[in-house]
């Protein structure tokens, strides 16, 4: 019998891809146990996050829970890698000595060897998917050359390094052959792609090549940095039917003073112009962004300017965070974190209340429309679906009840990963209700 290996992946989808690449090298040696399944295993492999305070606490707690399982005889070994162990490589082995091995964020080959396998260059474009089989994240680069004052990623993940285009196409072809229909493009900064390899921003060219892969029907873009945004990407979104009219573009703020303190290399006016051009050149585009409240230097006037901008821009999706002072960053060394936790939380609550109203209005505007959706799941008698305007794990869902006149006697579980046309019949702040119209 194969040994049992269970992975726990914390943090962002980029970590998920790292875990999947490692698993492709060891799946012949192990039975891979899904995360959250409570059975004895031979190895627990944790991929940790070290980005902000809450994420670090979650990662430490997950390591301690894995160690407790080991003490109870429910796990043989505990192996930890990723951002947390990269960032605190000296401290963690002393603090939690029960962990069998610690590795950094990029030490894939040592992790594979610790699991008893040899890294195989022939598998560099292969993945063992931990997502549903019809969609996958595609990480197009590693690291970041930006130096945002609040961000620890550059000294955790290193300098920006693009994955060669031919490797990404080969990876997409492998994923498509295994049933993947949707690619979600990710990186620390997707719009920086290609500058190191090709001396030009090559994201639009990559999108075109990926769209030519048989079986891939949707491509969506995450984590796009606004400065020097490559606007040929907008041409792909407007003209290429496989590129979703969906853009994740973390803006973080709109006040010139705060943007300058953040080292974002854009102004509020430039940001407003970029959002306007996106909406003009890609009619119907859905924009997701993130904001940080309580950054050092954010006065009440700056926060009110942020609220006014959100009212004006009407982002269909918006998430927000309280500023977290991270040791080693420019902000921690040069700014005083003088805004109280209470004020940060009040600002976060006010911003998200406003966004809730905007998101509700957007969803309600879709009632009566026909939309193409992909079926992610069938649970509690309902299809859980998404359109091109919803990304998995971060956005709402479209809930569709089966209709025997449309579906006949088809096993509803067989439709997971398939497309259908639905008519939207109801909406709340997060999710939509719809009825099936046609299988595609």
Protein backbone atom coordinates (compact mmCIF):
# COMPACT_ATOMS: atom_id res chain seq x y z
CA UNK A 1 0.00 0.00 0.00
CA UNK A 2 1.12 3.55 -0.70
CA UNK A 3 1.96 5.83 2.18
CA UNK A 4 -0.54 8.60 2.88
CA UNK A 5 0.38 12.27 2.36
CA UNK A 6 -1.87 15.15 3.36
CA UNK A 7 -1.18 18.72 2.31
CA UNK A 8 -2.32 21.91 4.00
CA UNK A 9 -1.90 25.00 1.82
CA UNK A 10 -2.36 28.39 3.45
CA UNK A 11 -2.43 31.86 1.94
CA UNK A 12 -2.89 32.72 -1.69
CA UNK A 13 -3.52 30.73 -4.85
CA UNK A 14 0.17 31.10 -5.77
CA UNK A 15 0.96 28.80 -2.85
CA UNK A 16 -1.62 26.35 -4.15
CA UNK A 17 0.25 26.10 -7.46
CA UNK A 18 3.54 25.48 -5.64
CA UNK A 19 1.96 22.62 -3.70
CA UNK A 20 0.52 21.13 -6.89
CA UNK A 21 3.91 21.17 -8.64
CA UNK A 22 5.51 19.33 -5.70
CA UNK A 23 2.72 16.75 -5.57
CA UNK A 24 3.22 15.91 -9.25
CA UNK A 25 6.69 14.58 -8.32
CA UNK A 26 5.49 12.37 -5.46
CA UNK A 27 2.01 11.16 -6.45
CA UNK A 28 3.41 7.76 -7.49
CA UNK A 29 4.76 7.25 -3.95
CA UNK A 30 1.81 8.50 -1.95
CA UNK A 31 -1.93 8.39 -1.71
CA UNK A 32 -2.80 12.10 -1.60
CA UNK A 33 -5.35 12.74 1.15
CA UNK A 34 -7.56 15.81 0.62
CA UNK A 35 -7.05 18.71 2.98
CA UNK A 36 -9.42 18.58 5.92
CA UNK A 37 -9.99 14.81 5.82
CA UNK A 38 -9.43 13.57 9.36
CA UNK A 39 -7.60 10.26 9.02
CA UNK A 40 -4.13 9.06 10.10
CA UNK A 41 -1.43 9.88 7.55
CA UNK A 42 2.26 9.19 7.18
CA UNK A 43 3.22 12.79 6.30
CA UNK A 44 1.62 16.20 6.70
CA UNK A 45 3.07 18.75 4.27
CA UNK A 46 2.26 22.37 5.14
CA UNK A 47 2.73 25.26 2.70
CA UNK A 48 2.65 28.40 4.84
CA UNK A 49 1.90 32.09 4.38
CA UNK A 50 3.92 34.89 5.97
CA UNK A 51 2.45 37.97 4.32
CA UNK A 52 0.61 39.80 7.11
CA UNK A 53 -0.04 39.29 10.81
CA UNK A 54 -3.32 37.37 10.53
CA UNK A 55 -1.87 35.06 7.87
CA UNK A 56 1.22 34.37 9.99
CA UNK A 57 -0.92 33.51 13.00
CA UNK A 58 -3.03 31.15 10.89
CA UNK A 59 0.09 29.43 9.57
CA UNK A 60 1.64 29.01 13.02
CA UNK A 61 -1.64 27.60 14.33
CA UNK A 62 -1.79 25.11 11.44
CA UNK A 63 1.77 23.96 12.19
CA UNK A 64 0.93 23.51 15.88
CA UNK A 65 -2.19 21.50 14.99
CA UNK A 66 -0.12 19.26 12.71
CA UNK A 67 2.42 18.75 15.53
CA UNK A 68 -0.43 17.82 17.89
CA UNK A 69 -1.61 15.22 15.39
CA UNK A 70 1.91 13.83 15.28
CA UNK A 71 2.01 13.63 19.09
CA UNK A 72 -1.30 11.75 19.08
CA UNK A 73 0.05 9.24 16.56
CA UNK A 74 -2.17 10.53 13.75
CA UNK A 75 0.78 11.63 11.58
CA UNK A 76 4.25 10.25 11.12
CA UNK A 77 6.15 13.33 9.94
CA UNK A 78 5.45 17.03 9.67
CA UNK A 79 7.24 18.94 6.89
CA UNK A 80 6.82 22.70 6.54
CA UNK A 81 7.78 25.02 3.68
CA UNK A 82 6.63 28.30 2.16
CA UNK A 83 6.66 31.98 3.06
CA UNK A 84 6.49 31.70 6.85
CA UNK A 85 9.44 29.32 7.08
CA UNK A 86 11.35 31.43 4.54
CA UNK A 87 10.79 34.57 6.57
CA UNK A 88 11.59 33.05 9.98
CA UNK A 89 14.08 30.35 9.00
CA UNK A 90 16.25 30.92 12.07
CA UNK A 91 13.52 31.20 14.71
CA UNK A 92 10.94 28.55 13.83
CA UNK A 93 13.04 25.36 14.23
CA UNK A 94 13.88 26.46 17.78
CA UNK A 95 10.32 27.45 18.61
CA UNK A 96 8.68 24.30 17.18
CA UNK A 97 11.34 21.56 17.25
CA UNK A 98 8.74 18.81 16.72
CA UNK A 99 8.60 19.68 13.00
CA UNK A 100 10.73 17.16 11.10
CA UNK A 101 11.94 19.54 8.37
CA UNK A 102 11.66 23.22 7.47
CA UNK A 103 12.15 24.61 3.96
CA UNK A 104 11.86 28.03 2.33
CA UNK A 105 9.41 29.35 -0.22
CA UNK A 106 11.42 28.28 -3.28
CA UNK A 107 13.05 25.10 -2.02
CA UNK A 108 10.94 22.74 -4.08
CA UNK A 109 13.66 20.19 -4.85
CA UNK A 110 14.65 19.75 -1.17
CA UNK A 111 10.97 19.26 -0.26
CA UNK A 112 10.59 16.61 -2.96
CA UNK A 113 13.69 14.81 -1.69
CA UNK A 114 12.44 15.01 1.90
CA UNK A 115 9.31 13.22 0.70
CA UNK A 116 11.46 10.41 -0.72
CA UNK A 117 11.43 11.26 -4.43
CA UNK A 118 13.90 12.76 -6.87
CA UNK A 119 13.01 15.97 -8.76
CA UNK A 120 12.27 15.13 -12.37
CA UNK A 121 12.90 17.91 -14.92
CA UNK A 122 10.44 16.18 -17.21
CA UNK A 123 7.65 16.99 -14.72
CA UNK A 124 8.33 20.72 -14.40
CA UNK A 125 5.15 21.54 -16.35
CA UNK A 126 2.95 18.96 -14.60
CA UNK A 127 0.54 19.49 -11.71
CA UNK A 128 -1.45 17.38 -9.29
CA UNK A 129 -4.58 19.52 -9.06
CA UNK A 130 -6.06 20.34 -5.68
CA UNK A 131 -8.78 22.49 -7.28
CA UNK A 132 -11.83 21.00 -9.01
CA UNK A 133 -10.64 19.41 -12.24
CA UNK A 134 -12.22 21.99 -14.56
CA UNK A 135 -10.24 25.05 -13.45
CA UNK A 136 -6.65 25.71 -12.46
CA UNK A 137 -4.42 28.58 -11.46
CA UNK A 138 -1.48 29.28 -13.77
CA UNK A 139 1.42 31.06 -12.06
CA UNK A 140 3.29 32.96 -14.76
CA UNK A 141 6.09 34.43 -12.66
CA UNK A 142 7.67 34.33 -9.23
CA UNK A 143 8.87 37.13 -6.99
CA UNK A 144 8.42 40.88 -7.32
CA UNK A 145 10.60 43.85 -8.23
CA UNK A 146 8.16 46.35 -6.74
CA UNK A 147 9.04 47.84 -3.38
CA UNK A 148 5.71 48.81 -1.89
CA UNK A 149 6.48 50.17 1.56
CA UNK A 150 4.05 47.85 3.39
CA UNK A 151 4.89 44.61 1.59
CA UNK A 152 7.26 41.81 2.64
CA UNK A 153 6.89 39.76 -0.54
CA UNK A 154 10.09 40.93 -2.31
CA UNK A 155 12.39 39.76 0.48
CA UNK A 156 10.39 36.54 0.98
CA UNK A 157 9.97 35.57 -2.66
CA UNK A 158 12.90 37.36 -4.25
CA UNK A 159 13.17 39.26 -7.50
CA UNK A 160 10.67 38.94 -10.34
CA UNK A 161 11.30 35.92 -12.58
CA UNK A 162 8.98 35.16 -15.49
CA UNK A 163 8.24 31.58 -16.51
CA UNK A 164 9.14 31.11 -20.19
CA UNK A 165 6.12 31.32 -22.46
CA UNK A 166 6.72 27.88 -23.96
CA UNK A 167 6.66 26.31 -20.48
CA UNK A 168 3.38 28.02 -19.63
CA UNK A 169 1.78 26.88 -22.88
CA UNK A 170 3.01 23.32 -22.22
CA UNK A 171 1.57 23.47 -18.71
CA UNK A 172 -1.74 24.77 -20.04
CA UNK A 173 -1.83 21.97 -22.63
CA UNK A 174 -1.23 19.38 -19.91
CA UNK A 175 -3.97 20.89 -17.75
CA UNK A 176 -6.40 21.00 -20.68
CA UNK A 177 -5.72 17.35 -21.50
CA UNK A 178 -6.78 16.55 -17.93
CA UNK A 179 -10.07 18.42 -18.21
CA UNK A 180 -9.21 21.99 -17.23
CA UNK A 181 -11.37 24.53 -19.09
CA UNK A 182 -10.59 27.70 -17.16
CA UNK A 183 -7.16 29.19 -16.45
CA UNK A 184 -6.74 31.84 -13.77
CA UNK A 185 -3.55 33.81 -14.43
CA UNK A 186 -1.67 34.66 -11.24
CA UNK A 187 1.68 36.05 -10.07
CA UNK A 188 2.86 38.62 -7.58
CA UNK A 189 2.38 41.05 -10.50
CA UNK A 190 0.94 39.64 -13.72
CA UNK A 191 1.39 42.83 -15.75
CA UNK A 192 5.17 42.74 -15.19
CA UNK A 193 5.33 39.43 -17.06
CA UNK A 194 8.05 39.18 -19.70
CA UNK A 195 10.22 42.18 -18.83
CA UNK A 196 13.08 40.02 -17.54
CA UNK A 197 12.93 37.42 -20.34
CA UNK A 198 11.79 39.39 -23.38
CA UNK A 199 12.56 43.01 -22.40
CA UNK A 200 8.91 43.87 -22.92
CA UNK A 201 5.60 43.37 -21.16
CA UNK A 202 4.32 40.20 -22.78
CA UNK A 203 1.09 39.38 -20.92
CA UNK A 204 -1.12 40.12 -23.96
CA UNK A 205 0.99 37.84 -26.15
CA UNK A 206 0.82 35.11 -23.52
CA UNK A 207 -2.98 35.44 -23.33
CA UNK A 208 -3.23 34.97 -27.08
CA UNK A 209 -1.06 31.84 -27.01
CA UNK A 210 -2.97 30.34 -24.09
CA UNK A 211 -6.28 31.00 -25.83
CA UNK A 212 -5.08 28.82 -28.72
CA UNK A 213 -4.77 25.75 -26.45
CA UNK A 214 -7.50 23.24 -27.28
CA UNK A 215 -9.91 22.77 -24.41
CA UNK A 216 -9.27 26.10 -22.69
CA UNK A 217 -12.45 28.19 -22.87
CA UNK A 218 -11.97 30.86 -20.20
CA UNK A 219 -8.88 32.82 -19.14
CA UNK A 220 -9.11 35.36 -16.33
CA UNK A 221 -6.46 37.70 -14.95
CA UNK A 222 -5.58 38.32 -11.30
CA UNK A 223 -3.06 40.48 -9.44
CA UNK A 224 -2.45 43.19 -12.03
CA UNK A 225 -0.33 46.10 -10.83
CA UNK A 226 -1.70 49.45 -12.05
CA UNK A 227 1.58 51.32 -12.73
CA UNK A 228 2.63 51.09 -16.40
CA UNK A 229 -0.37 48.87 -17.10
CA UNK A 230 0.08 47.19 -20.54
CA UNK A 231 -3.05 48.32 -22.33
CA UNK A 232 -2.75 45.75 -25.12
CA UNK A 233 -4.15 43.43 -22.45
CA UNK A 234 -7.40 45.39 -22.75
CA UNK A 235 -7.47 44.58 -26.47
CA UNK A 236 -7.31 40.88 -25.58
CA UNK A 237 -10.16 41.30 -23.11
CA UNK A 238 -12.26 43.21 -25.62
CA UNK A 239 -11.59 41.08 -28.71
CA UNK A 240 -10.60 37.57 -27.58
CA UNK A 241 -13.73 35.61 -26.61
CA UNK A 242 -11.73 33.30 -24.33
CA UNK A 243 -10.35 36.13 -22.17
CA UNK A 244 -12.90 36.95 -19.50
CA UNK A 245 -14.05 40.54 -19.12
CA UNK A 246 -12.76 40.42 -15.56
CA UNK A 247 -9.74 42.14 -14.06
CA UNK A 248 -8.31 41.84 -10.57
CA UNK A 249 -6.26 45.03 -10.08
CA UNK A 250 -5.23 45.82 -6.48
CA UNK A 251 -5.16 49.62 -6.18
CA UNK A 252 -4.69 49.94 -2.39
CA UNK A 253 -5.66 53.65 -2.18
CA UNK A 254 -6.46 56.81 -4.13
CA UNK A 255 -5.00 59.64 -2.00
CA UNK A 256 -1.78 60.99 -3.53
CA UNK A 257 -0.21 61.30 -0.08
CA UNK A 258 -1.02 57.72 0.90
CA UNK A 259 -0.03 56.32 -2.50
CA UNK A 260 3.30 58.11 -2.18
CA UNK A 261 3.84 56.69 1.32
CA UNK A 262 2.99 53.25 -0.05
CA UNK A 263 5.55 53.64 -2.89
CA UNK A 264 2.92 52.71 -5.46
CA UNK A 265 4.37 54.92 -8.24
CA UNK A 266 0.96 56.14 -9.39
CA UNK A 267 -1.21 59.15 -8.58
CA UNK A 268 -4.88 59.33 -7.84
CA UNK A 269 -5.55 61.12 -11.13
CA UNK A 270 -3.65 58.50 -13.10
CA UNK A 271 -5.58 55.73 -11.33
CA UNK A 272 -8.92 57.34 -12.15
CA UNK A 273 -7.91 57.67 -15.80
CA UNK A 274 -6.85 54.01 -15.97
CA UNK A 275 -10.17 52.80 -14.55
CA UNK A 276 -12.03 55.03 -17.01
CA UNK A 277 -10.04 53.64 -19.96
CA UNK A 278 -10.70 50.07 -18.83
CA UNK A 279 -14.43 50.65 -18.72
CA UNK A 280 -14.40 52.45 -22.06
CA UNK A 281 -12.25 49.93 -23.95
CA UNK A 282 -13.82 46.80 -22.45
CA UNK A 283 -17.58 47.41 -22.20
CA UNK A 284 -19.11 45.41 -19.38
CA UNK A 285 -15.78 44.64 -17.69
CA UNK A 286 -16.01 43.59 -14.05
CA UNK A 287 -13.27 45.03 -11.84
CA UNK A 288 -12.06 43.53 -8.57
CA UNK A 289 -9.72 45.53 -6.38
CA UNK A 290 -8.31 45.63 -2.87
CA UNK A 291 -7.72 48.59 -0.57
CA UNK A 292 -5.69 49.13 2.58
CA UNK A 293 -7.12 51.34 5.32
CA UNK A 294 -5.15 52.83 8.18
CA UNK A 295 -1.80 53.10 6.39
CA UNK A 296 0.55 55.55 8.14
CA UNK A 297 -0.28 59.04 6.97
CA UNK A 298 -3.91 58.27 6.13
CA UNK A 299 -5.84 61.13 7.66
CA UNK A 300 -9.60 61.49 7.75
CA UNK A 301 -9.51 63.56 4.56
CA UNK A 302 -7.54 60.84 2.77
CA UNK A 303 -9.98 58.17 3.91
CA UNK A 304 -12.95 60.27 2.77
CA UNK A 305 -11.27 60.66 -0.62
CA UNK A 306 -11.03 56.87 -0.77
CA UNK A 307 -14.75 56.55 -0.02
CA UNK A 308 -15.59 59.11 -2.71
CA UNK A 309 -13.43 57.22 -5.23
CA UNK A 310 -15.15 53.91 -4.46
CA UNK A 311 -18.55 55.58 -4.92
CA UNK A 312 -17.35 57.01 -8.22
CA UNK A 313 -15.59 53.94 -9.62
CA UNK A 314 -18.27 51.45 -8.46
CA UNK A 315 -16.02 48.41 -8.38
CA UNK A 316 -18.12 45.31 -8.80
CA UNK A 317 -15.83 43.49 -6.33
CA UNK A 318 -13.73 45.01 -3.57
CA UNK A 319 -11.86 43.60 -0.61
CA UNK A 320 -10.05 45.60 2.04
CA UNK A 321 -7.49 45.11 4.79
CA UNK A 322 -6.37 47.00 7.84
CA UNK A 323 -2.75 48.11 7.58
CA UNK A 324 -0.44 45.61 9.26
CA UNK A 325 3.08 46.74 10.14
CA UNK A 326 5.48 44.07 8.88
CA UNK A 327 9.02 43.92 10.19
CA UNK A 328 11.69 44.42 7.56
CA UNK A 329 9.53 46.55 5.29
CA UNK A 330 10.24 50.18 4.45
CA UNK A 331 7.03 51.21 6.19
CA UNK A 332 7.91 49.49 9.46
CA UNK A 333 11.36 51.08 9.49
CA UNK A 334 10.36 54.59 8.42
CA UNK A 335 6.73 55.22 9.44
CA UNK A 336 5.05 55.16 12.83
CA UNK A 337 1.96 52.94 12.89
CA UNK A 338 0.04 55.69 14.70
CA UNK A 339 -3.55 54.92 13.65
CA UNK A 340 -5.29 52.91 16.36
CA UNK A 341 -6.76 49.50 15.76
CA UNK A 342 -10.19 50.88 16.62
CA UNK A 343 -9.99 53.58 13.96
CA UNK A 344 -8.67 51.11 11.38
CA UNK A 345 -11.60 48.79 12.07
CA UNK A 346 -14.12 51.64 11.90
CA UNK A 347 -12.73 52.69 8.51
CA UNK A 348 -12.73 49.12 7.26
CA UNK A 349 -16.36 48.67 8.34
CA UNK A 350 -17.44 51.94 6.69
CA UNK A 351 -15.68 51.06 3.44
CA UNK A 352 -17.12 47.55 3.28
CA UNK A 353 -20.63 48.79 4.10
CA UNK A 354 -20.38 51.14 1.13
CA UNK A 355 -19.05 48.36 -1.08
CA UNK A 356 -21.86 46.07 0.01
CA UNK A 357 -24.36 48.57 -1.40
CA UNK A 358 -22.44 48.80 -4.68
CA UNK A 359 -22.10 45.02 -5.03
CA UNK A 360 -25.81 44.55 -4.33
CA UNK A 361 -26.76 47.12 -6.98
CA UNK A 362 -24.50 45.41 -9.53
CA UNK A 363 -25.97 41.99 -8.81
CA UNK A 364 -29.52 43.33 -8.95
CA UNK A 365 -28.79 44.91 -12.34
CA UNK A 366 -28.19 41.41 -13.69
CA UNK A 367 -31.66 40.08 -12.82
CA UNK A 368 -33.38 39.01 -16.03
CA UNK A 369 -30.14 38.62 -17.99
CA UNK A 370 -28.97 35.44 -19.74
CA UNK A 371 -25.48 34.37 -18.71
CA UNK A 372 -23.11 31.58 -19.63
CA UNK A 373 -21.96 29.76 -16.49
CA UNK A 374 -19.69 26.90 -15.58
CA UNK A 375 -20.91 24.38 -12.98
CA UNK A 376 -18.49 24.16 -10.04
CA UNK A 377 -20.49 21.78 -7.86
CA UNK A 378 -23.84 20.18 -7.15
CA UNK A 379 -24.78 20.31 -3.50
CA UNK A 380 -28.02 20.28 -1.50
CA UNK A 381 -29.97 19.88 -4.74
CA UNK A 382 -28.51 23.05 -6.30
CA UNK A 383 -25.92 23.68 -9.00
CA UNK A 384 -23.17 26.03 -7.75
CA UNK A 385 -22.05 28.02 -10.81
CA UNK A 386 -20.01 31.02 -11.93
CA UNK A 387 -20.08 33.30 -14.95
CA UNK A 388 -17.06 35.03 -16.50
CA UNK A 389 -17.68 37.74 -13.90
CA UNK A 390 -17.02 35.51 -10.86
CA UNK A 391 -13.64 34.07 -9.93
CA UNK A 392 -13.56 30.95 -7.75
CA UNK A 393 -12.91 31.20 -4.02
CA UNK A 394 -13.02 35.02 -3.87
CA UNK A 395 -16.34 36.03 -5.48
CA UNK A 396 -19.98 35.10 -5.08
CA UNK A 397 -21.79 32.23 -6.81
CA UNK A 398 -24.74 31.69 -9.09
CA UNK A 399 -27.10 29.12 -7.58
CA UNK A 400 -29.24 27.19 -10.07
CA UNK A 401 -31.97 24.67 -9.30
CA UNK A 402 -32.27 21.74 -11.74
CA UNK A 403 -35.15 21.83 -14.20
CA UNK A 404 -36.22 18.47 -15.61
CA UNK A 405 -37.60 20.14 -18.75
CA UNK A 406 -34.10 21.39 -19.55
CA UNK A 407 -31.92 18.67 -18.05
CA UNK A 408 -34.13 15.63 -18.53
CA UNK A 409 -32.76 12.56 -16.73
CA UNK A 410 -29.13 13.68 -16.79
CA UNK A 411 -27.20 12.91 -13.61
CA UNK A 412 -26.63 16.39 -12.15
CA UNK A 413 -23.17 15.43 -10.88
CA UNK A 414 -22.11 14.67 -14.44
CA UNK A 415 -22.60 18.36 -15.27
CA UNK A 416 -19.85 19.55 -12.92
CA UNK A 417 -17.31 21.30 -15.10
CA UNK A 418 -19.81 21.80 -17.95
CA UNK A 419 -21.25 25.05 -19.28
CA UNK A 420 -24.91 26.07 -19.42
CA UNK A 421 -26.93 29.20 -20.14
CA UNK A 422 -29.01 30.46 -17.22
CA UNK A 423 -31.45 33.29 -16.62
CA UNK A 424 -30.80 35.33 -13.46
CA UNK A 425 -33.92 35.55 -11.32
CA UNK A 426 -32.70 36.95 -8.00
CA UNK A 427 -29.75 38.63 -6.32
CA UNK A 428 -28.26 39.57 -2.98
CA UNK A 429 -25.00 41.29 -2.09
CA UNK A 430 -22.91 38.21 -2.82
CA UNK A 431 -24.81 35.59 -4.81
CA UNK A 432 -27.27 35.29 -7.66
CA UNK A 433 -30.20 32.93 -8.15
CA UNK A 434 -30.86 31.63 -11.66
CA UNK A 435 -32.78 29.04 -13.65
CA UNK A 436 -31.30 26.84 -16.40
CA UNK A 437 -32.11 27.71 -20.00
CA UNK A 438 -29.82 25.54 -22.10
CA UNK A 439 -26.95 23.07 -21.77
CA UNK A 440 -23.93 24.09 -23.84
